Amino acid sequence: MKTIGTFSIGIFALLLVACEPASKTQQAKQPPGAELKIVTHPDYPMQARQVAEGVYAVITPARDFPNAENKGWNSNSGFVVTAEGVLVVDTGSSEKIGAALRETIRTVTDKPVKWVVNTHGHGDHWLGTHAFIGEGAEVIASDTVAGRIENEGEYWVNLFNSMTEGAIGQPQTVVPATRVTGHMKRRLGGLEVELLPSGSSHSPGDVLVWLPGKKVLIAGDVVYTDRAPATFDGKVKQWIAFLTELEAMPVEVVIPGHGNVGSKADITRQRDYLAAIWASVSAGFEEERQAFEIIPQARANTAQFAEFYPGYEKNLPESVSHVYLQVEAAAF
């Protein structure tokens, strides 16, 4: 079996996943009296959906990767209005997208953006950060993610410009100054905020934003809805364990990195899906089968998830390959 040797190969392999319509994810209800604030933008028609008091999700309609049609806007953002200013979680694939997000926030509040969290190192979640620097925002990420941003900025700009036919332009990289080295609790504008390291579940250095007083989890790519999770850069066994930890928390609303606003049911579903893949691959490996030989059984063991994860048929073989390498490594 051929090992995927570089990060670039991994990301391009993901482009094989098909663009599909949204699935049947169980969405959390909007709170009573919540409003939908809409920005009429020529390229990025964003909506700020209130999911709890002061907490908003900005959900892209795209269920694929950055391309010319979506102009790079393929990932979600969240923001929280506090007494002193706004906390933004993930800023999109370009400074243009970040600017559209800033306009969307302005439909809700004129308070300055004081804090930005970059949940992980994939460029579709942080290349928009420069749009908020003029407001003096504190940029926060894990040590690992900050290092990736510093070292991989040019790579992501070139990759996304290639994928979008130049739509993202030349965003400036902003290296986070505040580093998360473990479970961190802070009060931001009077609001209790927790930054939760995932153990590099989805990708090296992932952090999630937990708002215990709101029971809202802004999960980055540790949680997906409406799309099968991308496993090329993660530690799947750790991911399963971490999702189990999240299930034990009093989460009511999940803002995922990709897909519609969801609930704890989406955490459980994703954990079950990844666990079924891991079990299928482990059993096949014990029987000395290669990854491609395991795919039919893995498909049978995960068929119940197909209706929830558009693109499942093309995503599953890749995930089996990724998990096979991890199961193999654990055996030696």
C-alpha atoms as a PDB file:
ATOM      1  CA  MET A   1       0.000   0.000   0.000  1.00  0.00           C
ATOM      2  CA  LYS A   2       1.342   3.410  -0.896  1.00  0.00           C
ATOM      3  CA  THR A   3       1.748   5.797   2.031  1.00  0.00           C
ATOM      4  CA  ILE A   4       0.529   9.367   1.639  1.00  0.00           C
ATOM      5  CA  GLY A   5       3.809  11.140   2.129  1.00  0.00           C
ATOM      6  CA  THR A   6       3.092  14.848   2.129  1.00  0.00           C
ATOM      7  CA  PHE A   7       0.482  17.246   3.325  1.00  0.00           C
ATOM      8  CA  SER A   8      -0.013  18.564  -0.214  1.00  0.00           C
ATOM      9  CA  ILE A   9      -0.900  15.130  -1.540  1.00  0.00           C
ATOM     10  CA  GLY A  10      -3.369  14.731   1.292  1.00  0.00           C
ATOM     11  CA  ILE A  11      -5.236  17.937   0.578  1.00  0.00           C
ATOM     12  CA  PHE A  12      -5.416  17.264  -3.140  1.00  0.00           C
ATOM     13  CA  ALA A  13      -6.682  13.753  -2.452  1.00  0.00           C
ATOM     14  CA  LEU A  14      -9.581  15.330  -0.611  1.00  0.00           C
ATOM     15  CA  LEU A  15     -10.668  17.125  -3.745  1.00  0.00           C
ATOM     16  CA  LEU A  16     -12.042  13.819  -4.978  1.00  0.00           C
ATOM     17  CA  VAL A  17     -14.937  14.182  -2.533  1.00  0.00           C
ATOM     18  CA  ALA A  18     -18.062  15.134  -4.441  1.00  0.00           C
ATOM     19  CA  CYS A  19     -20.079  18.281  -3.897  1.00  0.00           C
ATOM     20  CA  GLU A  20     -23.505  17.158  -2.657  1.00  0.00           C
ATOM     21  CA  PRO A  21     -26.636  18.777  -1.233  1.00  0.00           C
ATOM     22  CA  ALA A  22     -27.074  19.200   2.502  1.00  0.00           C
ATOM     23  CA  SER A  23     -28.063  16.173   4.565  1.00  0.00           C
ATOM     24  CA  LYS A  24     -30.532  15.407   7.347  1.00  0.00           C
ATOM     25  CA  THR A  25     -28.434  16.697  10.250  1.00  0.00           C
ATOM     26  CA  GLN A  26     -30.434  17.309  13.422  1.00  0.00           C
ATOM     27  CA  GLN A  27     -30.204  21.045  13.901  1.00  0.00           C
ATOM     28  CA  ALA A  28     -30.535  22.900  17.153  1.00  0.00           C
ATOM     29  CA  LYS A  29     -33.488  25.266  17.252  1.00  0.00           C
ATOM     30  CA  GLN A  30     -33.049  29.013  17.190  1.00  0.00           C
ATOM     31  CA  PRO A  31     -33.832  30.659  20.525  1.00  0.00           C
ATOM     32  CA  PRO A  32     -37.203  32.441  20.847  1.00  0.00           C
ATOM     33  CA  GLY A  33     -37.080  35.856  19.235  1.00  0.00           C
ATOM     34  CA  ALA A  34     -33.834  35.121  17.390  1.00  0.00           C
ATOM     35  CA  GLU A  35     -33.268  37.041  14.203  1.00  0.00           C
ATOM     36  CA  LEU A  36     -31.513  36.186  10.953  1.00  0.00           C
ATOM     37  CA  LYS A  37     -29.295  39.077   9.881  1.00  0.00           C
ATOM     38  CA  ILE A  38     -28.399  39.028   6.185  1.00  0.00           C
ATOM     39  CA  VAL A  39     -25.634  40.834   4.308  1.00  0.00           C
ATOM     40  CA  THR A  40     -26.200  41.382   0.600  1.00  0.00           C
ATOM     41  CA  HIS A  41     -22.676  40.841  -0.672  1.00  0.00           C
ATOM     42  CA  PRO A  42     -21.950  40.265  -4.385  1.00  0.00           C
ATOM     43  CA  ASP A  43     -19.722  37.266  -3.674  1.00  0.00           C
ATOM     44  CA  TYR A  44     -20.527  36.142  -0.125  1.00  0.00           C
ATOM     45  CA  PRO A  45     -24.222  36.466   0.847  1.00  0.00           C
ATOM     46  CA  MET A  46     -23.707  35.780   4.534  1.00  0.00           C
ATOM     47  CA  GLN A  47     -26.325  35.332   7.219  1.00  0.00           C
ATOM     48  CA  ALA A  48     -25.799  35.739  10.965  1.00  0.00           C
ATOM     49  CA  ARG A  49     -28.018  33.133  12.582  1.00  0.00           C
ATOM     50  CA  GLN A  50     -28.559  33.574  16.324  1.00  0.00           C
ATOM     51  CA  VAL A  51     -28.152  30.223  18.108  1.00  0.00           C
ATOM     52  CA  ALA A  52     -28.106  31.512  21.710  1.00  0.00           C
ATOM     53  CA  GLU A  53     -28.225  34.913  23.355  1.00  0.00           C
ATOM     54  CA  GLY A  54     -25.322  36.874  21.869  1.00  0.00           C
ATOM     55  CA  VAL A  55     -24.012  33.897  19.880  1.00  0.00           C
ATOM     56  CA  TYR A  56     -24.213  33.719  16.086  1.00  0.00           C
ATOM     57  CA  ALA A  57     -23.305  31.220  13.385  1.00  0.00           C
ATOM     58  CA  VAL A  58     -22.311  32.209   9.849  1.00  0.00           C
ATOM     59  CA  ILE A  59     -22.830  29.090   7.749  1.00  0.00           C
ATOM     60  CA  THR A  60     -21.587  28.726   4.202  1.00  0.00           C
ATOM     61  CA  PRO A  61     -23.969  26.990   1.769  1.00  0.00           C
ATOM     62  CA  ALA A  62     -20.961  25.213   0.206  1.00  0.00           C
ATOM     63  CA  ARG A  63     -20.396  21.543   0.994  1.00  0.00           C
ATOM     64  CA  ASP A  64     -17.240  21.204  -1.047  1.00  0.00           C
ATOM     65  CA  PHE A  65     -13.729  22.630  -1.086  1.00  0.00           C
ATOM     66  CA  PRO A  66     -12.703  26.146  -2.176  1.00  0.00           C
ATOM     67  CA  ASN A  67     -13.447  26.538  -5.878  1.00  0.00           C
ATOM     68  CA  ALA A  68     -14.291  29.165  -8.472  1.00  0.00           C
ATOM     69  CA  GLU A  69     -18.019  28.816  -7.844  1.00  0.00           C
ATOM     70  CA  ASN A  70     -17.916  29.448  -4.077  1.00  0.00           C
ATOM     71  CA  LYS A  71     -14.967  31.868  -4.420  1.00  0.00           C
ATOM     72  CA  GLY A  72     -13.227  30.191  -1.518  1.00  0.00           C
ATOM     73  CA  TRP A  73     -16.039  30.462   1.028  1.00  0.00           C
ATOM     74  CA  ASN A  74     -16.427  26.853   2.126  1.00  0.00           C
ATOM     75  CA  SER A  75     -16.034  26.976   5.926  1.00  0.00           C
ATOM     76  CA  ASN A  76     -18.166  28.271   8.781  1.00  0.00           C
ATOM     77  CA  SER A  77     -17.497  31.018  11.303  1.00  0.00           C
ATOM     78  CA  GLY A  78     -19.028  31.933  14.636  1.00  0.00           C
ATOM     79  CA  PHE A  79     -19.066  35.100  16.670  1.00  0.00           C
ATOM     80  CA  VAL A  80     -20.064  36.090  20.181  1.00  0.00           C
ATOM     81  CA  VAL A  81     -21.136  39.564  21.279  1.00  0.00           C
ATOM     82  CA  THR A  82     -19.919  40.372  24.797  1.00  0.00           C
ATOM     83  CA  ALA A  83     -20.186  43.456  26.995  1.00  0.00           C
ATOM     84  CA  GLU A  84     -16.807  44.720  25.775  1.00  0.00           C
ATOM     85  CA  GLY A  85     -16.544  43.517  22.206  1.00  0.00           C
ATOM     86  CA  VAL A  86     -16.854  40.612  19.804  1.00  0.00           C
ATOM     87  CA  LEU A  87     -15.147  37.230  19.795  1.00  0.00           C
ATOM     88  CA  VAL A  88     -14.786  35.742  16.294  1.00  0.00           C
ATOM     89  CA  VAL A  89     -14.038  32.058  15.751  1.00  0.00           C
ATOM     90  CA  ASP A  90     -12.504  31.267  12.332  1.00  0.00           C
ATOM     91  CA  THR A  91     -12.316  33.883   9.595  1.00  0.00           C
ATOM     92  CA  GLY A  92     -12.527  32.069   6.256  1.00  0.00           C
ATOM     93  CA  SER A  93     -10.260  31.427   3.289  1.00  0.00           C
ATOM     94  CA  SER A  94      -9.334  34.994   2.355  1.00  0.00           C
ATOM     95  CA  GLU A  95      -9.212  38.572   3.516  1.00  0.00           C
ATOM     96  CA  LYS A  96     -12.200  39.255   1.232  1.00  0.00           C
ATOM     97  CA  ILE A  97     -14.199  36.635   3.104  1.00  0.00           C
ATOM     98  CA  GLY A  98     -12.997  38.073   6.404  1.00  0.00           C
ATOM     99  CA  ALA A  99     -14.197  41.517   5.299  1.00  0.00           C
ATOM    100  CA  ALA A 100     -17.614  40.094   4.394  1.00  0.00           C
ATOM    101  CA  LEU A 101     -17.744  38.443   7.799  1.00  0.00           C
ATOM    102  CA  ARG A 102     -16.908  41.784   9.415  1.00  0.00           C
ATOM    103  CA  GLU A 103     -19.825  43.385   7.526  1.00  0.00           C
ATOM    104  CA  THR A 104     -22.088  40.580   8.717  1.00  0.00           C
ATOM    105  CA  ILE A 105     -21.078  41.184  12.328  1.00  0.00           C
ATOM    106  CA  ARG A 106     -21.927  44.853  11.839  1.00  0.00           C
ATOM    107  CA  THR A 107     -25.546  43.894  11.122  1.00  0.00           C
ATOM    108  CA  VAL A 108     -25.714  42.679  14.728  1.00  0.00           C
ATOM    109  CA  THR A 109     -23.457  45.059  16.695  1.00  0.00           C
ATOM    110  CA  ASP A 110     -21.130  48.001  16.270  1.00  0.00           C
ATOM    111  CA  LYS A 111     -18.839  46.754  19.045  1.00  0.00           C
ATOM    112  CA  PRO A 112     -15.234  46.148  17.965  1.00  0.00           C
ATOM    113  CA  VAL A 113     -13.857  42.699  17.288  1.00  0.00           C
ATOM    114  CA  LYS A 114     -11.487  42.234  20.222  1.00  0.00           C
ATOM    115  CA  TRP A 115     -10.609  38.548  19.951  1.00  0.00           C
ATOM    116  CA  VAL A 116     -10.130  36.089  17.074  1.00  0.00           C
ATOM    117  CA  VAL A 117      -9.616  32.351  17.582  1.00  0.00           C
ATOM    118  CA  ASN A 118      -8.089  30.256  14.797  1.00  0.00           C
ATOM    119  CA  THR A 119      -9.303  26.743  15.592  1.00  0.00           C
ATOM    120  CA  HIS A 120      -6.808  24.877  13.423  1.00  0.00           C
ATOM    121  CA  GLY A 121      -4.144  25.098  10.756  1.00  0.00           C
ATOM    122  CA  HIS A 122      -6.125  24.570   7.541  1.00  0.00           C
ATOM    123  CA  GLY A 123      -6.143  27.827   5.598  1.00  0.00           C
ATOM    124  CA  ASP A 124      -9.876  27.941   4.934  1.00  0.00           C
ATOM    125  CA  HIS A 125     -10.316  28.803   8.620  1.00  0.00           C
ATOM    126  CA  TRP A 126      -7.738  31.561   9.151  1.00  0.00           C
ATOM    127  CA  LEU A 127      -6.717  33.353   5.948  1.00  0.00           C
ATOM    128  CA  GLY A 128      -9.407  35.975   6.619  1.00  0.00           C
ATOM    129  CA  THR A 129      -7.922  37.111   9.928  1.00  0.00           C
ATOM    130  CA  HIS A 130      -6.146  40.183   8.547  1.00  0.00           C
ATOM    131  CA  ALA A 131      -9.547  41.797   7.949  1.00  0.00           C
ATOM    132  CA  PHE A 132      -9.865  42.226  11.752  1.00  0.00           C
ATOM    133  CA  ILE A 133      -6.404  43.515  12.591  1.00  0.00           C
ATOM    134  CA  GLY A 134      -7.437  47.135  12.073  1.00  0.00           C
ATOM    135  CA  GLU A 135      -9.724  46.775  15.075  1.00  0.00           C
ATOM    136  CA  GLY A 136      -6.788  45.682  17.248  1.00  0.00           C
ATOM    137  CA  ALA A 137      -8.019  42.134  17.721  1.00  0.00           C
ATOM    138  CA  GLU A 138      -6.063  39.686  19.882  1.00  0.00           C
ATOM    139  CA  VAL A 139      -5.446  36.595  17.741  1.00  0.00           C
ATOM    140  CA  ILE A 140      -5.461  33.281  19.605  1.00  0.00           C
ATOM    141  CA  ALA A 141      -4.421  29.761  18.571  1.00  0.00           C
ATOM    142  CA  SER A 142      -2.485  26.795  19.865  1.00  0.00           C
ATOM    143  CA  ASP A 143       1.306  26.823  19.615  1.00  0.00           C
ATOM    144  CA  THR A 144       1.119  24.212  16.879  1.00  0.00           C
ATOM    145  CA  VAL A 145      -1.452  26.087  14.818  1.00  0.00           C
ATOM    146  CA  ALA A 146       0.425  29.373  15.189  1.00  0.00           C
ATOM    147  CA  GLY A 147       3.523  27.625  13.851  1.00  0.00           C
ATOM    148  CA  ARG A 148       1.610  26.238  10.891  1.00  0.00           C
ATOM    149  CA  ILE A 149       0.160  29.643  10.083  1.00  0.00           C
ATOM    150  CA  GLU A 150       3.609  31.183  10.193  1.00  0.00           C
ATOM    151  CA  ASN A 151       5.195  28.513   8.016  1.00  0.00           C
ATOM    152  CA  GLU A 152       2.398  27.545   5.613  1.00  0.00           C
ATOM    153  CA  GLY A 153       0.808  30.870   4.670  1.00  0.00           C
ATOM    154  CA  GLU A 154       2.240  31.002   1.154  1.00  0.00           C
ATOM    155  CA  TYR A 155       1.292  27.373   0.545  1.00  0.00           C
ATOM    156  CA  TRP A 156      -2.363  27.966   1.409  1.00  0.00           C
ATOM    157  CA  VAL A 157      -2.618  31.188  -0.604  1.00  0.00           C
ATOM    158  CA  ASN A 158      -1.160  29.513  -3.680  1.00  0.00           C
ATOM    159  CA  LEU A 159      -3.305  26.399  -3.241  1.00  0.00           C
ATOM    160  CA  PHE A 160      -6.571  28.271  -2.823  1.00  0.00           C
ATOM    161  CA  ASN A 161      -5.839  30.685  -5.665  1.00  0.00           C
ATOM    162  CA  SER A 162      -5.243  27.679  -7.884  1.00  0.00           C
ATOM    163  CA  MET A 163      -8.485  26.062  -6.734  1.00  0.00           C
ATOM    164  CA  THR A 164     -10.578  29.257  -7.017  1.00  0.00           C
ATOM    165  CA  GLU A 165      -9.036  30.689 -10.214  1.00  0.00           C
ATOM    166  CA  GLY A 166      -7.547  33.572  -8.241  1.00  0.00           C
ATOM    167  CA  ALA A 167     -10.680  34.486  -6.286  1.00  0.00           C
ATOM    168  CA  ILE A 168      -9.043  34.725  -2.858  1.00  0.00           C
ATOM    169  CA  GLY A 169      -6.384  37.264  -3.893  1.00  0.00           C
ATOM    170  CA  GLN A 170      -3.315  37.739  -1.703  1.00  0.00           C
ATOM    171  CA  PRO A 171      -4.400  37.788   1.963  1.00  0.00           C
ATOM    172  CA  GLN A 172      -1.758  38.708   4.503  1.00  0.00           C
ATOM    173  CA  THR A 173      -0.870  36.070   7.052  1.00  0.00           C
ATOM    174  CA  VAL A 174      -1.482  36.986  10.681  1.00  0.00           C
ATOM    175  CA  VAL A 175       0.494  34.850  13.135  1.00  0.00           C
ATOM    176  CA  PRO A 176      -1.444  34.460  16.406  1.00  0.00           C
ATOM    177  CA  ALA A 177       0.285  36.212  19.303  1.00  0.00           C
ATOM    178  CA  THR A 178      -1.632  34.463  22.097  1.00  0.00           C
ATOM    179  CA  ARG A 179      -0.795  30.763  22.323  1.00  0.00           C
ATOM    180  CA  VAL A 180      -2.962  28.062  23.859  1.00  0.00           C
ATOM    181  CA  THR A 181      -0.822  25.379  25.504  1.00  0.00           C
ATOM    182  CA  GLY A 182      -3.558  23.447  27.315  1.00  0.00           C
ATOM    183  CA  HIS A 183      -7.143  23.728  28.472  1.00  0.00           C
ATOM    184  CA  MET A 184      -7.559  27.491  28.902  1.00  0.00           C
ATOM    185  CA  LYS A 185     -10.326  29.388  30.696  1.00  0.00           C
ATOM    186  CA  ARG A 186     -10.756  33.115  30.152  1.00  0.00           C
ATOM    187  CA  ARG A 187     -13.345  35.782  30.770  1.00  0.00           C
ATOM    188  CA  LEU A 188     -13.795  37.811  27.621  1.00  0.00           C
ATOM    189  CA  GLY A 189     -16.030  40.825  28.006  1.00  0.00           C
ATOM    190  CA  GLY A 190     -17.539  39.279  31.140  1.00  0.00           C
ATOM    191  CA  LEU A 191     -18.278  35.988  29.369  1.00  0.00           C
ATOM    192  CA  GLU A 192     -16.739  32.672  30.454  1.00  0.00           C
ATOM    193  CA  VAL A 193     -14.936  31.073  27.518  1.00  0.00           C
ATOM    194  CA  GLU A 194     -13.022  27.793  27.469  1.00  0.00           C
ATOM    195  CA  LEU A 195     -10.504  26.783  24.818  1.00  0.00           C
ATOM    196  CA  LEU A 196     -10.373  23.007  24.536  1.00  0.00           C
ATOM    197  CA  PRO A 197      -7.410  21.245  22.881  1.00  0.00           C
ATOM    198  CA  SER A 198      -8.592  18.170  20.999  1.00  0.00           C
ATOM    199  CA  GLY A 199      -5.340  16.221  21.204  1.00  0.00           C
ATOM    200  CA  SER A 200      -4.817  16.910  17.494  1.00  0.00           C
ATOM    201  CA  SER A 201      -7.957  14.946  16.632  1.00  0.00           C
ATOM    202  CA  HIS A 202      -8.814  16.435  13.239  1.00  0.00           C
ATOM    203  CA  SER A 203      -5.465  18.117  12.633  1.00  0.00           C
ATOM    204  CA  PRO A 204      -2.375  19.069  14.651  1.00  0.00           C
ATOM    205  CA  GLY A 205      -3.137  21.576  17.393  1.00  0.00           C
ATOM    206  CA  ASP A 206      -6.943  21.819  17.024  1.00  0.00           C
ATOM    207  CA  VAL A 207      -8.766  23.855  19.668  1.00  0.00           C
ATOM    208  CA  LEU A 208     -12.514  24.244  20.190  1.00  0.00           C
ATOM    209  CA  VAL A 209     -14.375  27.127  21.819  1.00  0.00           C
ATOM    210  CA  TRP A 210     -16.821  26.136  24.573  1.00  0.00           C
ATOM    211  CA  LEU A 211     -19.266  28.648  26.018  1.00  0.00           C
ATOM    212  CA  PRO A 212     -20.509  26.894  29.172  1.00  0.00           C
ATOM    213  CA  GLY A 213     -22.995  29.617  30.083  1.00  0.00           C
ATOM    214  CA  LYS A 214     -24.583  29.355  26.637  1.00  0.00           C
ATOM    215  CA  LYS A 215     -24.138  25.574  26.169  1.00  0.00           C
ATOM    216  CA  VAL A 216     -22.727  26.303  22.712  1.00  0.00           C
ATOM    217  CA  LEU A 217     -19.692  24.538  21.243  1.00  0.00           C
ATOM    218  CA  ILE A 218     -17.891  26.214  18.331  1.00  0.00           C
ATOM    219  CA  ALA A 219     -16.071  23.150  17.142  1.00  0.00           C
ATOM    220  CA  GLY A 220     -13.997  23.989  14.073  1.00  0.00           C
ATOM    221  CA  ASP A 221     -13.422  20.851  12.029  1.00  0.00           C
ATOM    222  CA  VAL A 222     -13.483  18.516  15.005  1.00  0.00           C
ATOM    223  CA  VAL A 223     -17.229  18.260  14.291  1.00  0.00           C
ATOM    224  CA  TYR A 224     -18.784  18.052  10.826  1.00  0.00           C
ATOM    225  CA  THR A 225     -22.424  17.938   9.799  1.00  0.00           C
ATOM    226  CA  ASP A 226     -23.782  17.458   6.263  1.00  0.00           C
ATOM    227  CA  ARG A 227     -20.417  16.179   5.111  1.00  0.00           C
ATOM    228  CA  ALA A 228     -18.242  13.214   6.037  1.00  0.00           C
ATOM    229  CA  PRO A 229     -15.279  14.273   8.196  1.00  0.00           C
ATOM    230  CA  ALA A 230     -11.916  14.663   6.480  1.00  0.00           C
ATOM    231  CA  THR A 231      -9.406  12.328   8.142  1.00  0.00           C
ATOM    232  CA  PHE A 232      -6.214  12.954   6.152  1.00  0.00           C
ATOM    233  CA  ASP A 233      -4.550  15.136   8.803  1.00  0.00           C
ATOM    234  CA  GLY A 234      -5.994  13.654  12.005  1.00  0.00           C
ATOM    235  CA  LYS A 235      -5.464  11.049  14.680  1.00  0.00           C
ATOM    236  CA  VAL A 236      -8.639   9.023  14.325  1.00  0.00           C
ATOM    237  CA  LYS A 237      -8.391   6.935  17.499  1.00  0.00           C
ATOM    238  CA  GLN A 238      -7.814  10.096  19.530  1.00  0.00           C
ATOM    239  CA  TRP A 239     -10.632  11.791  17.627  1.00  0.00           C
ATOM    240  CA  ILE A 240     -13.056   9.041  18.663  1.00  0.00           C
ATOM    241  CA  ALA A 241     -11.970   9.364  22.302  1.00  0.00           C
ATOM    242  CA  PHE A 242     -12.286  13.153  22.243  1.00  0.00           C
ATOM    243  CA  LEU A 243     -15.760  13.061  20.701  1.00  0.00           C
ATOM    244  CA  THR A 244     -16.737  10.736  23.546  1.00  0.00           C
ATOM    245  CA  GLU A 245     -15.546  13.410  25.990  1.00  0.00           C
ATOM    246  CA  LEU A 246     -17.610  16.031  24.171  1.00  0.00           C
ATOM    247  CA  GLU A 247     -20.689  13.817  24.430  1.00  0.00           C
ATOM    248  CA  ALA A 248     -20.406  13.956  28.217  1.00  0.00           C
ATOM    249  CA  MET A 249     -20.582  17.771  28.208  1.00  0.00           C
ATOM    250  CA  PRO A 250     -23.901  19.666  28.453  1.00  0.00           C
ATOM    251  CA  VAL A 251     -23.735  20.756  24.809  1.00  0.00           C
ATOM    252  CA  GLU A 252     -27.004  21.927  23.264  1.00  0.00           C
ATOM    253  CA  VAL A 253     -25.792  23.711  20.122  1.00  0.00           C
ATOM    254  CA  VAL A 254     -22.826  22.890  17.884  1.00  0.00           C
ATOM    255  CA  ILE A 255     -21.416  25.272  15.289  1.00  0.00           C
ATOM    256  CA  PRO A 256     -19.354  22.901  13.119  1.00  0.00           C
ATOM    257  CA  GLY A 257     -16.477  23.752  10.822  1.00  0.00           C
ATOM    258  CA  HIS A 258     -18.509  22.493   7.861  1.00  0.00           C
ATOM    259  CA  GLY A 259     -22.245  21.883   7.622  1.00  0.00           C
ATOM    260  CA  ASN A 260     -25.380  23.236   9.263  1.00  0.00           C
ATOM    261  CA  VAL A 261     -25.727  24.194  12.917  1.00  0.00           C
ATOM    262  CA  GLY A 262     -26.215  20.988  14.865  1.00  0.00           C
ATOM    263  CA  SER A 263     -26.582  19.444  18.287  1.00  0.00           C
ATOM    264  CA  LYS A 264     -25.033  16.766  20.474  1.00  0.00           C
ATOM    265  CA  ALA A 265     -26.628  14.166  18.181  1.00  0.00           C
ATOM    266  CA  ASP A 266     -24.139  15.189  15.493  1.00  0.00           C
ATOM    267  CA  ILE A 267     -21.231  14.573  17.866  1.00  0.00           C
ATOM    268  CA  THR A 268     -22.564  11.110  18.648  1.00  0.00           C
ATOM    269  CA  ARG A 269     -23.149  10.308  14.971  1.00  0.00           C
ATOM    270  CA  GLN A 270     -19.637  11.325  13.970  1.00  0.00           C
ATOM    271  CA  ARG A 271     -18.104   9.354  16.826  1.00  0.00           C
ATOM    272  CA  ASP A 272     -20.060   6.270  15.797  1.00  0.00           C
ATOM    273  CA  TYR A 273     -19.040   6.725  12.160  1.00  0.00           C
ATOM    274  CA  LEU A 274     -15.335   7.043  12.909  1.00  0.00           C
ATOM    275  CA  ALA A 275     -15.506   4.175  15.410  1.00  0.00           C
ATOM    276  CA  ALA A 276     -17.115   1.931  12.776  1.00  0.00           C
ATOM    277  CA  ILE A 277     -14.326   2.730  10.320  1.00  0.00           C
ATOM    278  CA  TRP A 278     -11.648   2.099  12.951  1.00  0.00           C
ATOM    279  CA  ALA A 279     -13.199  -1.235  13.957  1.00  0.00           C
ATOM    280  CA  SER A 280     -13.534  -2.323  10.329  1.00  0.00           C
ATOM    281  CA  VAL A 281      -9.942  -1.490   9.519  1.00  0.00           C
ATOM    282  CA  SER A 282      -8.588  -3.062  12.714  1.00  0.00           C
ATOM    283  CA  ALA A 283     -10.419  -6.320  11.982  1.00  0.00           C
ATOM    284  CA  GLY A 284      -9.216  -6.349   8.390  1.00  0.00           C
ATOM    285  CA  PHE A 285      -5.647  -5.617   9.413  1.00  0.00           C
ATOM    286  CA  GLU A 286      -5.707  -8.524  11.853  1.00  0.00           C
ATOM    287  CA  GLU A 287      -6.767 -10.714   8.937  1.00  0.00           C
ATOM    288  CA  GLU A 288      -3.750  -9.388   6.966  1.00  0.00           C
ATOM    289  CA  ARG A 289      -5.888  -7.666   4.355  1.00  0.00           C
ATOM    290  CA  GLN A 290      -4.802  -4.507   2.568  1.00  0.00           C
ATOM    291  CA  ALA A 291      -6.767  -1.267   2.797  1.00  0.00           C
ATOM    292  CA  PHE A 292      -8.509  -1.681  -0.558  1.00  0.00           C
ATOM    293  CA  GLU A 293      -9.649  -5.146   0.496  1.00  0.00           C
ATOM    294  CA  ILE A 294     -11.238  -3.736   3.657  1.00  0.00           C
ATOM    295  CA  ILE A 295     -13.343  -1.097   1.907  1.00  0.00           C
ATOM    296  CA  PRO A 296     -16.361  -3.339   1.101  1.00  0.00           C
ATOM    297  CA  GLN A 297     -16.740  -4.435   4.725  1.00  0.00           C
ATOM    298  CA  ALA A 298     -16.194  -0.891   5.977  1.00  0.00           C
ATOM    299  CA  ARG A 299     -18.903   0.284   3.590  1.00  0.00           C
ATOM    300  CA  ALA A 300     -21.308  -2.348   4.916  1.00  0.00           C
ATOM    301  CA  ASN A 301     -20.491  -1.347   8.504  1.00  0.00           C
ATOM    302  CA  THR A 302     -21.066   2.355   7.861  1.00  0.00           C
ATOM    303  CA  ALA A 303     -23.941   2.288   5.361  1.00  0.00           C
ATOM    304  CA  GLN A 304     -26.366   3.794   7.892  1.00  0.00           C
ATOM    305  CA  PHE A 305     -24.403   7.051   7.834  1.00  0.00           C
ATOM    306  CA  ALA A 306     -24.693   7.650   4.081  1.00  0.00           C
ATOM    307  CA  GLU A 307     -27.920   9.686   4.371  1.00  0.00           C
ATOM    308  CA  PHE A 308     -26.271  12.080   6.819  1.00  0.00           C
ATOM    309  CA  TYR A 309     -22.945  12.508   4.991  1.00  0.00           C
ATOM    310  CA  PRO A 310     -23.248  13.565   1.358  1.00  0.00           C
ATOM    311  CA  GLY A 311     -20.061  12.547  -0.436  1.00  0.00           C
ATOM    312  CA  TYR A 312     -19.815   9.476   1.779  1.00  0.00           C
ATOM    313  CA  GLU A 313     -19.217   7.052  -1.105  1.00  0.00           C
ATOM    314  CA  LYS A 314     -16.104   8.908  -2.221  1.00  0.00           C
ATOM    315  CA  ASN A 315     -14.945   9.894   1.247  1.00  0.00           C
ATOM    316  CA  LEU A 316     -15.048   6.446   2.840  1.00  0.00           C
ATOM    317  CA  PRO A 317     -12.243   4.788   0.801  1.00  0.00           C
ATOM    318  CA  GLU A 318      -9.913   7.677   1.640  1.00  0.00           C
ATOM    319  CA  SER A 319     -10.750   7.441   5.334  1.00  0.00           C
ATOM    320  CA  VAL A 320     -10.137   3.697   5.268  1.00  0.00           C
ATOM    321  CA  SER A 321      -6.704   4.359   3.758  1.00  0.00           C
ATOM    322  CA  HIS A 322      -5.886   6.994   6.370  1.00  0.00           C
ATOM    323  CA  VAL A 323      -7.037   4.798   9.256  1.00  0.00           C
ATOM    324  CA  TYR A 324      -5.163   1.789   7.855  1.00  0.00           C
ATOM    325  CA  LEU A 325      -1.880   3.686   8.149  1.00  0.00           C
ATOM    326  CA  GLN A 326      -2.669   4.571  11.759  1.00  0.00           C
ATOM    327  CA  VAL A 327      -3.713   1.025  12.684  1.00  0.00           C
ATOM    328  CA  GLU A 328      -0.557  -0.283  11.033  1.00  0.00           C
ATOM    329  CA  ALA A 329       1.638   2.213  12.888  1.00  0.00           C
ATOM    330  CA  ALA A 330       0.019   1.271  16.213  1.00  0.00           C
ATOM    331  CA  ALA A 331       0.874  -2.383  15.607  1.00  0.00           C
ATOM    332  CA  PHE A 332       4.633  -1.763  15.599  1.00  0.00           C
END
